[in-house]
Amino acid sequence: MVREEKGMRLGKYELGRTLGEGNFGKVKYAKNLESGKGFAVKILEKKRILELKIDDQIKREIGTLKLLKHPNVVRLYEVIASKTKIYMVLEYVTGGELFDKIALKGRLSETEGRKLFQQLIDAVSYCHDKGVYHRDLKPENVLVDAKGNIKISDFGLSALPQHFRDDGLLHTTCGSPNYVAPEVLANKGYDGATSDLWSCGVILFVILTGYLPFDDKNLAILYQKIFRGATQIPKWLSPGARNMIRRILDPNPKTRITVGQIKADEWFKQDYIPVTHYDDDDDDDDKYIKDDPISIYEPSDEDKQGDAPTLINAFQLIGMSSYLDLSGFFEKEDASDRKIMFTSNYSQKDIVERFEGIVSEMGYRIQKRNGKLKVMQERKDLRSPGCLSVAAELFELSPSLFVVELRKSHGDSNLYRQLCKKLSNNLAICQSQEILTAET
């Protein structure tokens, strides 16, 4: 069994101190013993990934980072797998999160803030040119290196061109509530580039003021503020900065400023140094394997003794694991396999009673445990066609507004879609009043 002890060898890397810990696992410093260069290794526990139901996010993050090589985007160099863990070898960024930088200073000067915003727009524009839409841009997902330059990270909710529907729009409601664009909440489809720019505008506001433009403890009220674009831009900001924020935080995506217009703006162009090189550097630590842009291997007993590991295909290797299947990196995004949420203005008692009645009528049985409902359809083989297991939970936004969350544990996607449609049709408030919560 592979253990992450200080000084442990992982192929050509030696693991060192822990840089951070989260629900998914740890991030450790690692030194390339051949070049002496430092890296950050994100260590993911496969079992924990499934418990937290974030396997889709891991697929997205690895699949997306494969495509991106830009000075202002955290670089993924390779992925290493054992039977129980996944190791993502990432660029080591020493300066921490932009969030911490702002929290420490309160707010940044307009000159410093503009420089970071210029880098943010450069990086986001590059991602969009590559067909990648981040969908969760916020200061916590923007790192700062030792030289004060930003690095966008955490592409777990990102979207690629194949995630668009036939109407050319994205439809998954996701992101962090304070930074999400109004059109994402409207649940009628949205342009990934335009919604990312909204989030950049919120980040710019936070950088220059030290507080959020849209905030409220009550999610329903927060979303109403976002829909209206209701925020007061401080008068002590320069006219150029105020104009930039106002044009980005336009609740109408059709009239919102574009990347091209941002780069042509006089305030933005002050001291602007565009990125002139990326995608073509010859870093020795970035040698990708032919026909497989991420090198990935499973450390064997021989490897632990110092022999060279055997390189195999990433998708085949992790797909063999009973803990986690990453074979669907680029499959079409299917909302039926994700968390589904809708709002209801029925009372809590009525929601539960109606829920139980609908589920029973559809031939499922219900288990109640720890305040949650579990919908099940029994089969001897849990992977057989027609089997379904769904967890349901109720959240109170206000005394007259609740969120019903449905999450499929396993089973048939078509049956899950039918169940969600039936429940939402009978429990949700009317579409014109509906406010969907964002996935965090």
Protein backbone atom coordinates (compact mmCIF):
# COMPACT_ATOMS: atom_id res chain seq x y z
CA MET A 1 0.00 0.00 0.00
CA VAL A 2 1.33 3.46 -0.98
CA ARG A 3 1.72 5.85 1.95
CA GLU A 4 2.42 9.58 1.68
CA GLU A 5 5.15 9.88 4.29
CA LYS A 6 7.77 12.59 4.20
CA GLY A 7 10.57 11.56 1.87
CA MET A 8 8.41 8.94 0.14
CA ARG A 9 9.25 8.32 -3.51
CA LEU A 10 6.51 8.57 -6.09
CA GLY A 11 8.22 7.79 -9.36
CA LYS A 12 10.68 10.63 -10.00
CA TYR A 13 9.12 12.74 -7.21
CA GLU A 14 9.91 12.88 -3.50
CA LEU A 15 6.94 13.94 -1.38
CA GLY A 16 7.49 16.46 1.38
CA ARG A 17 5.44 18.68 3.69
CA THR A 18 1.67 18.98 3.55
CA LEU A 19 0.59 22.24 1.89
CA GLY A 20 -3.12 21.88 2.60
CA GLU A 21 -5.91 19.47 3.48
CA GLY A 22 -9.53 19.17 2.41
CA ASN A 23 -12.42 16.74 2.31
CA PHE A 24 -10.97 15.05 -0.77
CA GLY A 25 -7.47 14.45 0.65
CA LYS A 26 -4.21 16.37 0.86
CA VAL A 27 -1.94 18.59 -1.20
CA LYS A 28 1.76 17.96 -0.63
CA TYR A 29 4.95 19.58 -1.79
CA ALA A 30 6.98 17.34 -4.10
CA LYS A 31 10.48 17.65 -5.49
CA ASN A 32 11.46 16.32 -8.90
CA LEU A 33 14.63 14.39 -8.08
CA GLU A 34 15.90 14.73 -11.65
CA SER A 35 15.48 18.50 -12.06
CA GLY A 36 15.20 19.68 -8.45
CA LYS A 37 12.04 21.61 -9.34
CA GLY A 38 9.16 21.87 -6.85
CA PHE A 39 5.59 20.78 -7.55
CA ALA A 40 2.28 20.50 -5.70
CA VAL A 41 0.77 17.01 -5.64
CA LYS A 42 -2.96 16.79 -5.05
CA ILE A 43 -3.62 13.38 -3.46
CA LEU A 44 -7.18 12.18 -4.01
CA GLU A 45 -8.62 9.27 -2.06
CA LYS A 46 -10.76 7.33 -4.56
CA LYS A 47 -13.10 6.06 -1.85
CA ARG A 48 -13.52 9.57 -0.45
CA ILE A 49 -14.24 10.93 -3.93
CA LEU A 50 -17.18 8.57 -4.25
CA GLU A 51 -18.42 9.35 -0.74
CA LEU A 52 -18.44 13.07 -1.57
CA LYS A 53 -19.88 12.35 -5.03
CA ILE A 54 -17.27 14.54 -6.73
CA ASP A 55 -16.05 12.01 -9.30
CA ASP A 56 -17.55 14.13 -12.11
CA GLN A 57 -15.63 17.15 -10.85
CA ILE A 58 -12.35 15.22 -10.82
CA LYS A 59 -13.00 14.01 -14.37
CA ARG A 60 -13.60 17.58 -15.47
CA GLU A 61 -10.57 19.00 -13.71
CA ILE A 62 -8.13 16.47 -15.17
CA GLY A 63 -9.72 16.50 -18.61
CA THR A 64 -9.74 20.29 -18.76
CA LEU A 65 -6.25 20.92 -17.41
CA LYS A 66 -4.91 18.61 -20.12
CA LEU A 67 -5.85 21.31 -22.64
CA LEU A 68 -4.45 24.38 -20.92
CA LYS A 69 -0.88 25.75 -20.97
CA HIS A 70 -0.90 29.42 -20.02
CA PRO A 71 1.22 31.45 -17.55
CA ASN A 72 -1.91 32.46 -15.62
CA VAL A 73 -3.46 28.99 -15.38
CA VAL A 74 -2.21 26.33 -12.95
CA ARG A 75 -0.44 23.66 -15.01
CA LEU A 76 -1.13 19.94 -14.70
CA TYR A 77 2.03 17.97 -15.54
CA GLU A 78 0.98 14.39 -15.02
CA VAL A 79 -1.40 12.08 -13.20
CA ILE A 80 -0.25 9.06 -11.22
CA ALA A 81 -2.61 6.40 -9.86
CA SER A 82 -2.49 3.64 -7.28
CA LYS A 83 -5.30 1.27 -6.41
CA THR A 84 -6.71 3.63 -3.79
CA LYS A 85 -5.41 7.09 -4.75
CA ILE A 86 -4.99 9.51 -7.63
CA TYR A 87 -1.99 11.86 -7.62
CA MET A 88 -2.26 15.05 -9.68
CA VAL A 89 1.17 16.63 -10.19
CA LEU A 90 0.51 20.36 -10.47
CA GLU A 91 2.46 23.58 -10.74
CA TYR A 92 3.56 24.76 -7.30
CA VAL A 93 2.16 28.24 -6.58
CA THR A 94 3.64 29.77 -3.42
CA GLY A 95 1.56 32.89 -2.77
CA GLY A 96 -1.75 31.37 -1.65
CA GLU A 97 -5.27 32.34 -2.71
CA LEU A 98 -6.30 35.74 -4.01
CA PHE A 99 -9.04 35.55 -1.37
CA ASP A 100 -6.43 35.51 1.41
CA LYS A 101 -4.53 38.38 -0.17
CA ILE A 102 -7.68 40.52 -0.22
CA ALA A 103 -8.69 39.43 3.29
CA LEU A 104 -5.26 40.47 4.59
CA LYS A 105 -5.21 43.91 2.94
CA GLY A 106 -8.95 44.67 2.97
CA ARG A 107 -8.77 45.82 -0.64
CA LEU A 108 -6.04 46.32 -3.21
CA SER A 109 -4.95 49.54 -4.85
CA GLU A 110 -6.47 50.27 -8.23
CA THR A 111 -3.08 49.85 -9.91
CA GLU A 112 -2.42 46.45 -8.34
CA GLY A 113 -6.03 45.36 -8.78
CA ARG A 114 -6.01 46.32 -12.47
CA LYS A 115 -2.84 44.27 -13.06
CA LEU A 116 -4.46 41.18 -11.53
CA PHE A 117 -7.66 41.81 -13.47
CA GLN A 118 -5.68 42.10 -16.73
CA GLN A 119 -4.08 38.73 -16.05
CA LEU A 120 -7.45 37.24 -15.13
CA ILE A 121 -9.00 38.42 -18.40
CA ASP A 122 -5.99 37.16 -20.39
CA ALA A 123 -6.29 33.71 -18.79
CA VAL A 124 -10.08 33.50 -19.10
CA SER A 125 -9.91 34.66 -22.73
CA TYR A 126 -7.31 31.96 -23.45
CA CYS A 127 -9.51 29.29 -21.83
CA HIS A 128 -12.48 30.40 -23.91
CA ASP A 129 -10.39 30.27 -27.08
CA LYS A 130 -9.60 26.66 -26.15
CA GLY A 131 -13.31 25.95 -25.67
CA VAL A 132 -13.04 25.76 -21.86
CA TYR A 133 -15.52 27.63 -19.63
CA HIS A 134 -14.59 27.66 -15.95
CA ARG A 135 -18.05 28.28 -14.40
CA ASP A 136 -16.75 28.72 -10.84
CA LEU A 137 -14.48 31.76 -10.95
CA LYS A 138 -13.97 33.33 -7.52
CA PRO A 139 -10.99 34.59 -5.44
CA GLU A 140 -10.69 31.20 -3.72
CA ASN A 141 -10.00 29.61 -7.12
CA VAL A 142 -7.39 32.19 -8.15
CA LEU A 143 -3.89 31.63 -6.76
CA VAL A 144 -1.08 34.20 -6.53
CA ASP A 145 2.56 33.24 -7.14
CA ALA A 146 5.71 34.63 -5.50
CA LYS A 147 5.95 37.39 -8.11
CA GLY A 148 2.36 38.53 -7.55
CA ASN A 149 0.97 36.97 -10.73
CA ILE A 150 -2.31 35.06 -10.72
CA LYS A 151 -2.94 31.42 -11.58
CA ILE A 152 -6.51 30.21 -12.16
CA SER A 153 -7.15 26.83 -10.53
CA ASP A 154 -9.95 24.34 -9.75
CA PHE A 155 -11.61 23.46 -13.04
CA GLY A 156 -13.90 20.90 -11.40
CA LEU A 157 -17.08 22.57 -12.73
CA SER A 158 -15.69 23.59 -16.12
CA ALA A 159 -17.43 22.87 -19.41
CA LEU A 160 -16.10 21.89 -22.83
CA PRO A 161 -17.75 22.34 -26.28
CA GLN A 162 -19.36 18.89 -26.12
CA HIS A 163 -21.30 19.99 -23.03
CA PHE A 164 -23.33 22.46 -25.07
CA ARG A 165 -26.80 21.41 -26.14
CA ASP A 166 -28.20 21.74 -29.65
CA ASP A 167 -29.19 25.35 -28.93
CA GLY A 168 -25.50 26.21 -28.48
CA LEU A 169 -25.92 26.96 -24.77
CA LEU A 170 -24.97 25.39 -21.45
CA HIS A 171 -27.79 24.36 -19.11
CA THR A 172 -26.21 23.07 -15.89
CA THR A 173 -26.80 25.43 -12.96
CA CYS A 174 -23.47 25.56 -11.15
CA GLY A 175 -21.01 27.93 -9.53
CA SER A 176 -20.75 29.75 -6.21
CA PRO A 177 -23.85 31.80 -5.28
CA ASN A 178 -22.21 35.24 -4.85
CA TYR A 179 -20.31 34.99 -8.14
CA VAL A 180 -22.83 33.26 -10.41
CA ALA A 181 -24.35 35.16 -13.37
CA PRO A 182 -28.11 35.87 -13.45
CA GLU A 183 -28.63 33.96 -16.71
CA VAL A 184 -27.19 30.82 -15.08
CA LEU A 185 -29.79 31.06 -12.33
CA ALA A 186 -32.59 31.63 -14.84
CA ASN A 187 -32.24 28.01 -16.01
CA LYS A 188 -32.98 28.85 -19.65
CA GLY A 189 -29.52 28.20 -21.04
CA TYR A 190 -26.48 30.49 -20.99
CA ASP A 191 -23.28 31.30 -22.83
CA GLY A 192 -20.27 30.03 -20.88
CA ALA A 193 -18.01 32.90 -21.95
CA THR A 194 -20.48 35.62 -21.01
CA SER A 195 -21.27 34.06 -17.62
CA ASP A 196 -17.54 33.69 -16.84
CA LEU A 197 -17.09 37.42 -17.53
CA TRP A 198 -19.80 38.24 -14.97
CA SER A 199 -17.80 36.30 -12.38
CA CYS A 200 -14.67 38.24 -13.40
CA GLY A 201 -16.62 41.45 -12.78
CA VAL A 202 -17.57 40.31 -9.29
CA ILE A 203 -13.91 39.44 -8.62
CA LEU A 204 -12.82 42.90 -9.84
CA PHE A 205 -15.38 44.52 -7.52
CA VAL A 206 -14.08 42.47 -4.56
CA ILE A 207 -10.43 43.25 -5.40
CA LEU A 208 -11.04 47.01 -5.50
CA THR A 209 -13.52 47.32 -2.61
CA GLY A 210 -12.83 44.41 -0.26
CA TYR A 211 -16.47 43.28 -0.15
CA LEU A 212 -19.07 41.52 -2.34
CA PRO A 213 -21.35 43.42 -4.74
CA PHE A 214 -24.21 40.97 -4.11
CA ASP A 215 -24.63 39.40 -0.70
CA ASP A 216 -27.40 38.21 1.61
CA LYS A 217 -27.82 35.32 4.05
CA ASN A 218 -31.14 34.50 2.41
CA LEU A 219 -30.40 32.84 -0.95
CA ALA A 220 -33.72 33.89 -2.45
CA ILE A 221 -33.01 37.58 -1.70
CA LEU A 222 -29.40 37.18 -2.91
CA TYR A 223 -30.59 35.83 -6.26
CA GLN A 224 -33.13 38.63 -6.60
CA LYS A 225 -30.28 41.14 -6.19
CA ILE A 226 -28.24 39.31 -8.82
CA PHE A 227 -31.16 39.19 -11.26
CA ARG A 228 -31.59 42.96 -10.93
CA GLY A 229 -27.86 43.69 -10.91
CA ALA A 230 -28.62 45.64 -7.76
CA THR A 231 -25.32 46.92 -6.36
CA GLN A 232 -23.88 50.28 -5.38
CA ILE A 233 -20.48 50.97 -6.93
CA PRO A 234 -18.42 53.15 -4.54
CA LYS A 235 -17.96 56.73 -5.78
CA TRP A 236 -14.36 56.78 -4.52
CA LEU A 237 -13.33 54.40 -7.31
CA SER A 238 -12.03 56.07 -10.46
CA PRO A 239 -14.56 56.72 -13.26
CA GLY A 240 -12.76 54.15 -15.42
CA ALA A 241 -12.99 51.42 -12.79
CA ARG A 242 -16.63 52.21 -12.06
CA ASN A 243 -17.49 52.10 -15.74
CA MET A 244 -15.73 48.74 -16.17
CA ILE A 245 -17.58 47.19 -13.24
CA ARG A 246 -20.91 48.60 -14.40
CA ARG A 247 -20.48 47.23 -17.94
CA ILE A 248 -19.49 43.75 -16.74
CA LEU A 249 -22.17 43.48 -14.05
CA ASP A 250 -24.90 44.07 -16.61
CA PRO A 251 -27.66 41.55 -15.78
CA ASN A 252 -28.54 41.34 -19.50
CA PRO A 253 -25.98 38.97 -21.08
CA LYS A 254 -26.77 40.33 -24.56
CA THR A 255 -25.60 43.85 -23.68
CA ARG A 256 -22.85 42.84 -21.26
CA ILE A 257 -19.32 43.91 -22.27
CA THR A 258 -17.27 41.32 -24.19
CA VAL A 259 -13.60 40.32 -23.80
CA GLY A 260 -12.73 42.33 -26.90
CA GLN A 261 -14.44 45.41 -25.53
CA ILE A 262 -12.74 44.97 -22.15
CA LYS A 263 -9.31 44.83 -23.80
CA ALA A 264 -10.12 47.95 -25.85
CA ASP A 265 -11.16 49.93 -22.76
CA GLU A 266 -8.83 52.80 -21.80
CA TRP A 267 -8.88 51.97 -18.07
CA PHE A 268 -8.00 48.33 -18.79
CA LYS A 269 -5.18 49.24 -21.19
CA GLN A 270 -3.22 51.26 -18.61
CA ASP A 271 0.17 49.54 -18.06
CA TYR A 272 -1.23 46.45 -19.81
CA ILE A 273 1.36 43.85 -20.80
CA PRO A 274 -0.37 41.08 -22.79
CA VAL A 275 0.89 37.52 -22.54
CA THR A 276 3.11 36.86 -25.55
CA HIS A 277 4.02 33.20 -25.14
CA TYR A 278 2.24 30.03 -24.16
CA ASP A 279 1.42 26.60 -25.58
CA ASP A 280 4.87 26.32 -27.10
CA ASP A 281 7.37 26.31 -24.24
CA ASP A 282 9.94 23.55 -23.99
CA ASP A 283 10.01 23.00 -20.24
CA ASP A 284 11.80 19.71 -19.60
CA ASP A 285 9.30 18.93 -16.87
CA ASP A 286 6.45 19.09 -19.38
CA LYS A 287 7.30 16.23 -21.72
CA TYR A 288 4.02 14.53 -22.54
CA ILE A 289 3.83 10.95 -23.72
CA LYS A 290 3.06 10.47 -27.38
CA ASP A 291 -0.66 9.83 -28.02
CA ASP A 292 -1.43 10.39 -24.33
CA PRO A 293 -1.19 14.01 -23.14
CA ILE A 294 -1.17 12.95 -19.48
CA SER A 295 1.34 10.35 -18.38
CA ILE A 296 -0.16 8.08 -15.78
CA TYR A 297 0.96 4.88 -14.11
CA GLU A 298 0.22 2.68 -11.15
CA PRO A 299 3.23 2.30 -8.82
CA SER A 300 4.13 -1.38 -8.62
CA ASP A 301 6.20 -3.27 -6.05
CA GLU A 302 9.18 -2.97 -8.40
CA ASP A 303 8.63 0.79 -8.69
CA LYS A 304 8.74 1.15 -4.91
CA GLN A 305 12.20 -0.41 -5.03
CA GLY A 306 13.37 2.26 -7.46
CA ASP A 307 12.84 0.65 -10.89
CA ALA A 308 11.16 2.66 -13.66
CA PRO A 309 7.36 2.46 -13.69
CA THR A 310 5.34 1.07 -16.57
CA LEU A 311 3.38 3.75 -18.42
CA ILE A 312 -0.14 2.86 -19.47
CA ASN A 313 -3.18 4.71 -20.78
CA ALA A 314 -4.86 6.95 -18.20
CA PHE A 315 -8.42 6.05 -19.07
CA GLN A 316 -7.77 2.30 -19.12
CA LEU A 317 -5.93 2.31 -15.80
CA ILE A 318 -8.36 4.25 -13.66
CA GLY A 319 -11.30 2.58 -15.37
CA MET A 320 -10.04 -0.76 -14.03
CA SER A 321 -10.53 0.43 -10.47
CA SER A 322 -13.67 -0.63 -8.66
CA TYR A 323 -13.50 2.65 -6.70
CA LEU A 324 -13.60 5.18 -9.50
CA ASP A 325 -14.26 5.22 -13.24
CA LEU A 326 -12.80 8.19 -15.10
CA SER A 327 -13.46 6.77 -18.55
CA GLY A 328 -16.04 9.42 -19.39
CA PHE A 329 -13.79 12.50 -19.52
CA PHE A 330 -15.33 13.75 -22.73
CA GLU A 331 -18.78 12.20 -22.75
CA LYS A 332 -21.68 14.57 -23.27
CA GLU A 333 -22.72 16.18 -20.01
CA ASP A 334 -25.96 14.64 -18.80
CA ALA A 335 -27.91 16.50 -16.13
CA SER A 336 -29.61 13.23 -15.20
CA ASP A 337 -26.34 12.03 -13.72
CA ARG A 338 -25.83 15.12 -11.57
CA LYS A 339 -27.35 16.72 -8.53
CA ILE A 340 -30.82 18.11 -9.30
CA MET A 341 -32.35 20.96 -7.27
CA PHE A 342 -35.66 22.82 -7.50
CA THR A 343 -37.56 25.17 -5.22
CA SER A 344 -41.00 24.68 -3.72
CA ASN A 345 -43.35 27.00 -1.84
CA TYR A 346 -45.36 24.16 -0.28
CA SER A 347 -45.00 23.67 3.48
CA GLN A 348 -42.42 21.18 4.69
CA LYS A 349 -45.17 18.76 5.75
CA ASP A 350 -46.91 18.99 2.37
CA ILE A 351 -43.63 18.49 0.48
CA VAL A 352 -42.84 15.31 2.42
CA GLU A 353 -46.37 13.93 2.08
CA ARG A 354 -46.58 14.70 -1.64
CA PHE A 355 -43.06 13.33 -2.15
CA GLU A 356 -43.92 10.03 -0.47
CA GLY A 357 -47.17 9.74 -2.40
CA ILE A 358 -45.54 10.35 -5.78
CA VAL A 359 -42.65 7.99 -5.12
CA SER A 360 -44.93 5.20 -3.86
CA GLU A 361 -47.21 5.67 -6.86
CA MET A 362 -44.21 5.18 -9.16
CA GLY A 363 -43.39 1.85 -7.49
CA TYR A 364 -40.43 2.87 -5.34
CA ARG A 365 -39.94 2.38 -1.63
CA ILE A 366 -38.67 5.05 0.80
CA GLN A 367 -36.22 4.88 3.68
CA LYS A 368 -36.06 7.70 6.25
CA ARG A 369 -32.77 8.26 8.00
CA ASN A 370 -31.19 11.29 9.73
CA GLY A 371 -33.77 13.66 8.29
CA LYS A 372 -33.11 12.47 4.72
CA LEU A 373 -35.20 10.41 2.34
CA LYS A 374 -33.79 7.60 0.24
CA VAL A 375 -35.73 6.38 -2.78
CA MET A 376 -34.99 2.81 -3.83
CA GLN A 377 -36.10 0.25 -6.36
CA GLU A 378 -34.93 -3.16 -5.31
CA ARG A 379 -32.99 -5.51 -7.59
CA LYS A 380 -30.67 -8.39 -6.73
CA ASP A 381 -27.93 -6.86 -8.86
CA LEU A 382 -27.61 -3.13 -8.12
CA ARG A 383 -26.08 -2.56 -11.56
CA SER A 384 -28.86 -4.30 -13.46
CA PRO A 385 -31.10 -2.26 -15.82
CA GLY A 386 -34.07 -0.70 -14.08
CA CYS A 387 -32.37 -0.33 -10.71
CA LEU A 388 -32.36 3.09 -9.05
CA SER A 389 -31.26 4.61 -5.75
CA VAL A 390 -31.77 8.33 -5.08
CA ALA A 391 -31.08 10.42 -1.98
CA ALA A 392 -33.37 13.38 -1.27
CA GLU A 393 -32.91 16.28 1.14
CA LEU A 394 -34.93 19.38 2.00
CA PHE A 395 -33.41 22.81 2.75
CA GLU A 396 -35.27 25.85 4.07
CA LEU A 397 -34.43 29.15 2.34
CA SER A 398 -37.19 31.05 4.13
CA PRO A 399 -40.37 30.08 6.02
CA SER A 400 -42.23 29.90 2.69
CA LEU A 401 -39.50 28.68 0.35
CA PHE A 402 -37.70 25.32 0.33
CA VAL A 403 -35.12 23.65 -1.90
CA VAL A 404 -35.56 19.99 -2.78
CA GLU A 405 -32.25 18.31 -3.65
CA LEU A 406 -32.15 14.98 -5.47
CA ARG A 407 -28.90 13.09 -5.94
CA LYS A 408 -28.61 9.78 -7.77
CA SER A 409 -26.43 7.22 -5.96
CA HIS A 410 -26.60 4.67 -8.77
CA GLY A 411 -29.01 3.28 -11.31
CA ASP A 412 -30.77 3.91 -14.58
CA SER A 413 -30.50 7.51 -15.86
CA ASN A 414 -33.80 7.36 -17.72
CA LEU A 415 -35.68 6.28 -14.59
CA TYR A 416 -33.92 9.00 -12.60
CA ARG A 417 -34.93 11.61 -15.17
CA GLN A 418 -38.54 10.43 -15.05
CA LEU A 419 -38.55 10.56 -11.24
CA CYS A 420 -37.06 14.08 -11.15
CA LYS A 421 -39.54 15.35 -13.75
CA LYS A 422 -42.51 13.90 -11.87
CA LEU A 423 -41.39 15.34 -8.54
CA SER A 424 -40.51 18.79 -9.88
CA ASN A 425 -43.79 19.03 -11.82
CA ASN A 426 -45.77 18.31 -8.67
CA LEU A 427 -43.70 20.11 -6.04
CA ALA A 428 -41.92 23.03 -7.70
CA ILE A 429 -43.27 26.57 -7.71
CA CYS A 430 -44.40 27.90 -11.07
CA GLN A 431 -41.56 28.45 -13.57
CA SER A 432 -41.93 32.24 -13.70
CA GLN A 433 -41.25 32.45 -9.96
CA GLU A 434 -38.66 29.71 -9.70
CA ILE A 435 -35.20 30.49 -8.31
CA LEU A 436 -32.76 27.63 -8.73
CA THR A 437 -29.90 27.19 -6.33
CA ALA A 438 -26.36 26.91 -7.62
CA GLU A 439 -24.16 23.89 -6.99
CA THR A 440 -21.22 24.79 -4.80
